[in-house]
C-alpha atoms as a PDB file:
ATOM      1  CA  MET A   1      13.360 -47.525  -4.721  1.00  0.00           C
ATOM      2  CA  ARG A   2      14.646 -45.625  -7.721  1.00  0.00           C
ATOM      3  CA  GLN A   3      18.263 -44.553  -7.568  1.00  0.00           C
ATOM      4  CA  GLN A   4      18.961 -40.825  -7.862  1.00  0.00           C
ATOM      5  CA  SER A   5      21.514 -39.549 -10.310  1.00  0.00           C
ATOM      6  CA  LYS A   6      24.574 -37.825  -8.869  1.00  0.00           C
ATOM      7  CA  LYS A   7      23.368 -34.522 -10.319  1.00  0.00           C
ATOM      8  CA  THR A   8      19.917 -34.845  -8.703  1.00  0.00           C
ATOM      9  CA  ALA A   9      21.432 -35.877  -5.365  1.00  0.00           C
ATOM     10  CA  ALA A  10      23.827 -32.908  -5.451  1.00  0.00           C
ATOM     11  CA  ARG A  11      20.974 -30.500  -6.224  1.00  0.00           C
ATOM     12  CA  ALA A  12      18.907 -31.936  -3.344  1.00  0.00           C
ATOM     13  CA  ALA A  13      21.876 -31.525  -0.982  1.00  0.00           C
ATOM     14  CA  GLU A  14      22.285 -27.882  -2.082  1.00  0.00           C
ATOM     15  CA  CYS A  15      18.674 -27.145  -1.209  1.00  0.00           C
ATOM     16  CA  ARG A  16      18.363 -29.191   1.971  1.00  0.00           C
ATOM     17  CA  GLU A  17      19.065 -26.355   4.418  1.00  0.00           C
ATOM     18  CA  PHE A  18      16.641 -23.966   2.659  1.00  0.00           C
ATOM     19  CA  ARG A  19      13.903 -26.593   2.784  1.00  0.00           C
ATOM     20  CA  ARG A  20      14.492 -27.451   6.452  1.00  0.00           C
ATOM     21  CA  ALA A  21      14.415 -23.758   7.364  1.00  0.00           C
ATOM     22  CA  LEU A  22      11.193 -23.271   5.390  1.00  0.00           C
ATOM     23  CA  VAL A  23       9.423 -26.137   7.181  1.00  0.00           C
ATOM     24  CA  ALA A  24      10.681 -24.865  10.553  1.00  0.00           C
ATOM     25  CA  SER A  25       9.564 -21.285   9.905  1.00  0.00           C
ATOM     26  CA  ILE A  26       6.096 -22.133   8.565  1.00  0.00           C
ATOM     27  CA  GLY A  27       5.382 -25.015  10.917  1.00  0.00           C
ATOM     28  CA  ARG A  28       1.997 -26.022   9.482  1.00  0.00           C
ATOM     29  CA  CYS A  29       0.452 -27.298   6.266  1.00  0.00           C
ATOM     30  CA  GLU A  30      -0.282 -24.453   3.861  1.00  0.00           C
ATOM     31  CA  ILE A  31      -3.158 -26.443   2.351  1.00  0.00           C
ATOM     32  CA  CYS A  32      -5.129 -27.938   5.269  1.00  0.00           C
ATOM     33  CA  GLY A  33      -3.579 -26.040   8.195  1.00  0.00           C
ATOM     34  CA  HIS A  34      -2.363 -29.193   9.966  1.00  0.00           C
ATOM     35  CA  ASP A  35       0.046 -28.399  12.821  1.00  0.00           C
ATOM     36  CA  PRO A  36       2.425 -31.273  13.688  1.00  0.00           C
ATOM     37  CA  GLU A  37       2.698 -29.936  17.249  1.00  0.00           C
ATOM     38  CA  ARG A  38      -0.936 -30.959  17.802  1.00  0.00           C
ATOM     39  CA  VAL A  39      -0.856 -34.578  16.706  1.00  0.00           C
ATOM     40  CA  ARG A  40      -4.024 -36.533  17.356  1.00  0.00           C
ATOM     41  CA  PRO A  41      -3.976 -40.303  17.887  1.00  0.00           C
ATOM     42  CA  GLY A  42      -4.192 -42.140  14.595  1.00  0.00           C
ATOM     43  CA  ASN A  43      -3.175 -39.093  12.568  1.00  0.00           C
ATOM     44  CA  VAL A  44      -0.851 -40.216   9.788  1.00  0.00           C
ATOM     45  CA  CYS A  45      -0.086 -36.795   8.329  1.00  0.00           C
ATOM     46  CA  TRP A  46       2.118 -35.532  11.151  1.00  0.00           C
ATOM     47  CA  ILE A  47       5.195 -34.793   9.046  1.00  0.00           C
ATOM     48  CA  LEU A  48       5.629 -31.647   6.951  1.00  0.00           C
ATOM     49  CA  VAL A  49       7.348 -31.718   3.574  1.00  0.00           C
ATOM     50  CA  VAL A  50       8.165 -29.189   0.874  1.00  0.00           C
ATOM     51  CA  HIS A  51       6.047 -29.534  -2.276  1.00  0.00           C
ATOM     52  CA  GLU A  52       7.291 -28.114  -5.568  1.00  0.00           C
ATOM     53  CA  ILE A  53       4.580 -26.269  -7.484  1.00  0.00           C
ATOM     54  CA  ALA A  54       6.346 -26.764 -10.818  1.00  0.00           C
ATOM     55  CA  ASN A  55       6.638 -30.380 -11.835  1.00  0.00           C
ATOM     56  CA  GLY A  56       8.185 -32.505 -14.537  1.00  0.00           C
ATOM     57  CA  PRO A  57      11.512 -31.245 -15.852  1.00  0.00           C
ATOM     58  CA  LEU A  58      11.049 -27.902 -14.054  1.00  0.00           C
ATOM     59  CA  ARG A  59      10.890 -29.505 -10.599  1.00  0.00           C
ATOM     60  CA  GLN A  60      14.661 -29.438  -9.993  1.00  0.00           C
ATOM     61  CA  ARG A  61      14.785 -25.677 -10.618  1.00  0.00           C
ATOM     62  CA  CYS A  62      11.988 -25.183  -8.104  1.00  0.00           C
ATOM     63  CA  LEU A  63      13.658 -26.861  -5.108  1.00  0.00           C
ATOM     64  CA  ASP A  64      14.971 -23.682  -3.460  1.00  0.00           C
ATOM     65  CA  LYS A  65      12.700 -20.948  -4.763  1.00  0.00           C
ATOM     66  CA  PRO A  66      10.356 -19.531  -2.082  1.00  0.00           C
ATOM     67  CA  PHE A  67       7.903 -18.501  -4.828  1.00  0.00           C
ATOM     68  CA  GLY A  68       7.808 -22.049  -6.190  1.00  0.00           C
ATOM     69  CA  VAL A  69       7.239 -24.274  -3.151  1.00  0.00           C
ATOM     70  CA  LEU A  70       4.616 -24.961  -0.506  1.00  0.00           C
ATOM     71  CA  CYS A  71       5.047 -26.454   2.955  1.00  0.00           C
ATOM     72  CA  VAL A  72       2.454 -29.220   3.212  1.00  0.00           C
ATOM     73  CA  CYS A  73       1.642 -32.221   5.355  1.00  0.00           C
ATOM     74  CA  TRP A  74       2.428 -35.663   4.037  1.00  0.00           C
ATOM     75  CA  LEU A  75      -1.250 -36.394   3.405  1.00  0.00           C
ATOM     76  CA  CYS A  76      -1.864 -33.278   1.292  1.00  0.00           C
ATOM     77  CA  ASN A  77       1.334 -33.929  -0.654  1.00  0.00           C
ATOM     78  CA  ALA A  78       0.467 -37.562  -1.314  1.00  0.00           C
ATOM     79  CA  GLU A  79      -3.249 -37.166  -2.015  1.00  0.00           C
ATOM     80  CA  ALA A  80      -4.713 -33.691  -2.525  1.00  0.00           C
ATOM     81  CA  LEU A  81      -1.898 -32.157  -4.563  1.00  0.00           C
ATOM     82  CA  GLU A  82      -1.587 -35.243  -6.763  1.00  0.00           C
ATOM     83  CA  ASP A  83      -4.969 -34.377  -8.264  1.00  0.00           C
ATOM     84  CA  LYS A  84      -3.901 -31.788 -10.842  1.00  0.00           C
ATOM     85  CA  ALA A  85      -7.524 -31.191 -11.864  1.00  0.00           C
ATOM     86  CA  ALA A  86      -8.488 -30.160  -8.321  1.00  0.00           C
ATOM     87  CA  TRP A  87      -5.156 -28.424  -7.562  1.00  0.00           C
ATOM     88  CA  PRO A  88      -3.854 -26.809 -10.770  1.00  0.00           C
ATOM     89  CA  VAL A  89      -0.805 -24.556 -10.612  1.00  0.00           C
ATOM     90  CA  SER A  90      -3.020 -21.449 -10.299  1.00  0.00           C
ATOM     91  CA  ARG A  91      -4.650 -22.857  -7.149  1.00  0.00           C
ATOM     92  CA  GLN A  92      -1.282 -23.820  -5.650  1.00  0.00           C
ATOM     93  CA  LEU A  93      -0.027 -20.282  -6.292  1.00  0.00           C
ATOM     94  CA  TRP A  94      -3.213 -18.962  -4.663  1.00  0.00           C
ATOM     95  CA  ALA A  95      -2.440 -21.097  -1.570  1.00  0.00           C
ATOM     96  CA  LEU A  96       1.061 -19.640  -1.509  1.00  0.00           C
ATOM     97  CA  ARG A  97      -0.286 -16.077  -1.839  1.00  0.00           C
ATOM     98  CA  ARG A  98      -2.791 -16.700   0.967  1.00  0.00           C
ATOM     99  CA  SER A  99      -0.244 -18.281   3.303  1.00  0.00           C
ATOM    100  CA  ARG A 100       2.965 -16.367   2.514  1.00  0.00           C
ATOM    101  CA  PRO A 101       2.192 -13.164   0.613  1.00  0.00           C
ATOM    102  CA  GLN A 102       5.787 -12.006   1.088  1.00  0.00           C
ATOM    103  CA  ASP A 103       7.035 -14.987  -0.975  1.00  0.00           C
ATOM    104  CA  TYR A 104       4.308 -14.912  -3.627  1.00  0.00           C
ATOM    105  CA  SER A 105       5.388 -13.516  -6.982  1.00  0.00           C
ATOM    106  CA  LEU A 106       3.580 -14.613 -10.102  1.00  0.00           C
ATOM    107  CA  GLU A 107       6.051 -12.641 -12.218  1.00  0.00           C
ATOM    108  CA  SER A 108       9.042 -14.445 -10.683  1.00  0.00           C
ATOM    109  CA  TYR A 109       7.337 -17.815 -11.014  1.00  0.00           C
ATOM    110  CA  LEU A 110       6.565 -17.262 -14.693  1.00  0.00           C
ATOM    111  CA  ALA A 111      10.021 -15.830 -15.451  1.00  0.00           C
ATOM    112  CA  GLU A 112      11.706 -18.837 -13.840  1.00  0.00           C
ATOM    113  CA  PHE A 113       9.474 -21.650 -15.036  1.00  0.00           C
ATOM    114  CA  HIS A 114       7.705 -20.331 -18.148  1.00  0.00           C
ATOM    115  CA  PRO A 115      10.070 -17.761 -19.705  1.00  0.00           C
ATOM    116  CA  ASN A 116       8.661 -18.335 -23.199  1.00  0.00           C
ATOM    117  CA  ALA A 117       5.055 -18.102 -22.024  1.00  0.00           C
ATOM    118  CA  PRO A 118       4.863 -15.040 -19.750  1.00  0.00           C
ATOM    119  CA  ARG A 119       1.064 -15.252 -19.651  1.00  0.00           C
ATOM    120  CA  ALA A 120       0.785 -19.015 -19.041  1.00  0.00           C
ATOM    121  CA  ILE A 121      -0.990 -18.174 -15.779  1.00  0.00           C
ATOM    122  CA  THR A 122      -2.665 -14.847 -15.150  1.00  0.00           C
ATOM    123  CA  GLN A 123      -3.226 -13.012 -11.902  1.00  0.00           C
ATOM    124  CA  ALA A 124      -6.971 -13.311 -12.570  1.00  0.00           C
ATOM    125  CA  GLU A 125      -6.680 -17.124 -12.619  1.00  0.00           C
ATOM    126  CA  VAL A 126      -4.949 -17.057  -9.241  1.00  0.00           C
ATOM    127  CA  GLU A 127      -7.430 -14.594  -7.743  1.00  0.00           C
ATOM    128  CA  ALA A 128     -10.384 -16.646  -9.039  1.00  0.00           C
ATOM    129  CA  TRP A 129      -9.653 -19.145  -6.247  1.00  0.00           C
ATOM    130  CA  ASP A 130     -10.519 -16.447  -3.666  1.00  0.00           C
ATOM    131  CA  ARG A 131     -14.146 -16.817  -4.693  1.00  0.00           C
ATOM    132  CA  LYS A 132     -14.212 -20.624  -4.593  1.00  0.00           C
END
């Protein structure tokens, strides 16, 4: 297992309570709807985790932003969301808007993660997933 830097570990510790509270308040996968309270025998995706929509060097800034994370089951996090062609950022933001409209803010997301490209993702790109 890769060792975390002290800076990364400190940032994760800062955000731990926010992330636990988010998982507790949502209580189901925002992608597939899985509810860990209704575990079926043989179901391996019983645990919920917080998935950061922004990735790469922006991931650390995303850890505690409600407009930048999704609560997903382990299976969706490990398989579905790994496929960036099937789940681009616009589709992940659409899932957030559908599940938690009070936390969805394309403007905040772009200001935080793409300040030099304020039109990197448009509202039309997010809304296009409503029709798919």
